[in-house]
Amino acid sequence: MMDNATFYKKQSIQQVIIDAGHMVEYLPTYSPDLNPIEHKWAQAKCKKRALGSDTDILFALNMI
């Protein structure tokens, strides 16, 4: 199982995998909207910029 990096899709790479007896399957295209943690990281980054601090401090202050 591989992500959608372009070098994985080269025919030569796919052929090596198939010749080794494996099947080629790709993960779906990445979508941050389908991953709820991405929304929390966006909030953390916004607070980090607003306070001018680093993420470790935000976690220590329980501001995330």
N, C-alpha and C. Protein backbone atom coordinates (compact mmCIF):
# COMPACT_ATOMS: atom_id res chain seq x y z
N MET A 1 0.85 -1.16 0.00
CA MET A 1 0.00 0.00 0.00
C MET A 1 0.90 1.23 0.00
N MET A 2 0.62 2.15 -0.93
CA MET A 2 1.48 3.31 -1.08
C MET A 2 0.63 4.58 -1.19
N ASP A 3 1.27 5.70 -0.85
CA ASP A 3 0.57 6.96 -1.05
C ASP A 3 0.63 7.32 -2.54
N ASN A 4 0.21 8.50 -2.88
CA ASN A 4 0.12 8.88 -4.29
C ASN A 4 1.33 9.66 -4.80
N ALA A 5 2.49 9.44 -4.21
CA ALA A 5 3.71 10.09 -4.70
C ALA A 5 3.94 9.66 -6.16
N THR A 6 4.33 10.62 -6.98
CA THR A 6 4.45 10.33 -8.42
C THR A 6 5.48 9.25 -8.73
N PHE A 7 6.55 9.16 -7.95
CA PHE A 7 7.57 8.15 -8.28
C PHE A 7 7.07 6.73 -8.04
N TYR A 8 6.06 6.56 -7.19
CA TYR A 8 5.49 5.22 -6.99
C TYR A 8 4.69 4.77 -8.21
N LYS A 9 4.23 5.69 -8.99
CA LYS A 9 3.37 5.36 -10.11
C LYS A 9 4.13 5.04 -11.39
N LYS A 10 5.44 5.12 -11.34
CA LYS A 10 6.24 4.76 -12.51
C LYS A 10 6.06 3.27 -12.80
N GLN A 11 5.97 2.97 -14.07
CA GLN A 11 5.75 1.58 -14.48
C GLN A 11 6.86 0.67 -13.97
N SER A 12 8.10 1.15 -13.95
CA SER A 12 9.21 0.30 -13.51
C SER A 12 9.07 -0.07 -12.03
N ILE A 13 8.63 0.85 -11.20
CA ILE A 13 8.43 0.57 -9.77
C ILE A 13 7.29 -0.43 -9.60
N GLN A 14 6.19 -0.19 -10.30
CA GLN A 14 5.05 -1.09 -10.21
C GLN A 14 5.44 -2.50 -10.65
N GLN A 15 6.24 -2.61 -11.70
CA GLN A 15 6.64 -3.92 -12.22
C GLN A 15 7.51 -4.67 -11.23
N VAL A 16 8.41 -3.98 -10.55
CA VAL A 16 9.26 -4.63 -9.54
C VAL A 16 8.39 -5.21 -8.43
N ILE A 17 7.39 -4.45 -8.01
CA ILE A 17 6.50 -4.90 -6.95
C ILE A 17 5.70 -6.13 -7.41
N ILE A 18 5.16 -6.07 -8.61
CA ILE A 18 4.37 -7.19 -9.15
C ILE A 18 5.25 -8.42 -9.35
N ASP A 19 6.46 -8.21 -9.86
CA ASP A 19 7.38 -9.34 -10.06
C ASP A 19 7.76 -10.02 -8.74
N ALA A 20 7.72 -9.27 -7.66
CA ALA A 20 8.05 -9.83 -6.34
C ALA A 20 6.84 -10.55 -5.73
N GLY A 21 5.72 -10.57 -6.48
CA GLY A 21 4.55 -11.30 -6.01
C GLY A 21 3.59 -10.48 -5.15
N HIS A 22 3.72 -9.19 -5.23
CA HIS A 22 2.85 -8.32 -4.44
C HIS A 22 1.84 -7.60 -5.32
N MET A 23 0.85 -7.06 -4.68
CA MET A 23 -0.19 -6.32 -5.37
C MET A 23 0.02 -4.82 -5.11
N VAL A 24 -0.23 -3.99 -6.09
CA VAL A 24 -0.07 -2.54 -5.95
C VAL A 24 -1.42 -1.93 -5.63
N GLU A 25 -1.51 -1.25 -4.48
CA GLU A 25 -2.71 -0.52 -4.10
C GLU A 25 -2.29 0.84 -3.59
N TYR A 26 -3.06 1.86 -3.94
CA TYR A 26 -2.76 3.23 -3.54
C TYR A 26 -3.76 3.72 -2.51
N LEU A 27 -3.27 4.52 -1.60
CA LEU A 27 -4.15 5.16 -0.63
C LEU A 27 -4.99 6.22 -1.35
N PRO A 28 -6.16 6.55 -0.80
CA PRO A 28 -6.95 7.62 -1.42
C PRO A 28 -6.20 8.95 -1.32
N THR A 29 -6.56 9.88 -2.17
CA THR A 29 -5.96 11.21 -2.14
C THR A 29 -6.19 11.82 -0.77
N TYR A 30 -5.16 12.49 -0.25
CA TYR A 30 -5.23 13.11 1.07
C TYR A 30 -6.28 14.21 1.09
N SER A 31 -7.10 14.20 2.12
CA SER A 31 -8.10 15.25 2.29
C SER A 31 -8.13 15.66 3.76
N PRO A 32 -7.60 16.83 4.08
CA PRO A 32 -7.58 17.26 5.49
C PRO A 32 -8.99 17.41 6.06
N ASP A 33 -9.99 17.63 5.22
CA ASP A 33 -11.36 17.77 5.71
C ASP A 33 -11.88 16.46 6.30
N LEU A 34 -11.31 15.34 5.91
CA LEU A 34 -11.75 14.05 6.42
C LEU A 34 -11.00 13.63 7.68
N ASN A 35 -10.03 14.41 8.10
CA ASN A 35 -9.22 14.08 9.26
C ASN A 35 -9.44 15.16 10.32
N PRO A 36 -10.27 14.88 11.35
CA PRO A 36 -10.63 15.90 12.34
C PRO A 36 -9.45 16.54 13.06
N ILE A 37 -8.34 15.82 13.23
CA ILE A 37 -7.20 16.39 13.95
C ILE A 37 -6.62 17.58 13.20
N GLU A 38 -6.79 17.62 11.89
CA GLU A 38 -6.27 18.74 11.11
C GLU A 38 -6.91 20.05 11.53
N HIS A 39 -8.18 20.01 11.92
CA HIS A 39 -8.86 21.23 12.36
C HIS A 39 -8.29 21.73 13.69
N LYS A 40 -7.95 20.80 14.59
CA LYS A 40 -7.34 21.19 15.87
C LYS A 40 -5.95 21.77 15.65
N TRP A 41 -5.18 21.19 14.73
CA TRP A 41 -3.85 21.73 14.45
C TRP A 41 -3.96 23.13 13.85
N ALA A 42 -4.97 23.35 13.04
CA ALA A 42 -5.18 24.69 12.48
C ALA A 42 -5.46 25.70 13.60
N GLN A 43 -6.26 25.30 14.58
CA GLN A 43 -6.53 26.18 15.72
C GLN A 43 -5.25 26.44 16.52
N ALA A 44 -4.47 25.39 16.73
CA ALA A 44 -3.22 25.54 17.49
C ALA A 44 -2.26 26.48 16.77
N LYS A 45 -2.14 26.35 15.46
CA LYS A 45 -1.25 27.22 14.70
C LYS A 45 -1.71 28.67 14.77
N CYS A 46 -3.01 28.88 14.74
CA CYS A 46 -3.56 30.23 14.82
C CYS A 46 -3.22 30.86 16.18
N LYS A 47 -3.42 30.10 17.26
CA LYS A 47 -3.09 30.60 18.60
C LYS A 47 -1.59 30.84 18.74
N LYS A 48 -0.82 29.94 18.17
CA LYS A 48 0.65 30.06 18.22
C LYS A 48 1.08 31.37 17.58
N ARG A 49 0.52 31.69 16.42
CA ARG A 49 0.86 32.95 15.74
C ARG A 49 0.40 34.16 16.55
N ALA A 50 -0.82 34.07 17.10
CA ALA A 50 -1.38 35.20 17.84
C ALA A 50 -0.58 35.51 19.10
N LEU A 51 -0.11 34.46 19.78
CA LEU A 51 0.64 34.64 21.02
C LEU A 51 2.14 34.76 20.79
N GLY A 52 2.59 34.42 19.62
CA GLY A 52 4.02 34.47 19.33
C GLY A 52 4.82 33.47 20.16
N SER A 53 4.21 32.32 20.45
CA SER A 53 4.90 31.30 21.25
C SER A 53 5.02 30.01 20.46
N ASP A 54 5.65 29.02 21.09
CA ASP A 54 5.76 27.75 20.38
C ASP A 54 4.69 26.77 20.87
N THR A 55 4.55 25.69 20.16
CA THR A 55 3.49 24.72 20.44
C THR A 55 3.65 24.08 21.81
N ASP A 56 4.89 23.84 22.25
CA ASP A 56 5.12 23.24 23.57
C ASP A 56 4.52 24.11 24.67
N ILE A 57 4.66 25.41 24.56
CA ILE A 57 4.09 26.32 25.56
C ILE A 57 2.57 26.26 25.53
N LEU A 58 1.99 26.22 24.34
CA LEU A 58 0.53 26.12 24.24
C LEU A 58 0.01 24.85 24.90
N PHE A 59 0.71 23.74 24.71
CA PHE A 59 0.30 22.49 25.35
C PHE A 59 0.48 22.59 26.86
N ALA A 60 1.58 23.19 27.32
CA ALA A 60 1.84 23.31 28.76
C ALA A 60 0.78 24.17 29.42
N LEU A 61 0.30 25.19 28.73
CA LEU A 61 -0.72 26.08 29.28
C LEU A 61 -2.13 25.53 29.05
N ASN A 62 -2.21 24.37 28.39
CA ASN A 62 -3.49 23.75 28.07
C ASN A 62 -4.39 24.69 27.28
N MET A 63 -3.80 25.37 26.30
CA MET A 63 -4.55 26.34 25.50
C MET A 63 -5.02 25.75 24.19
N ILE A 64 -4.73 24.50 23.95
CA ILE A 64 -5.16 23.87 22.71
C ILE A 64 -6.34 22.99 22.99
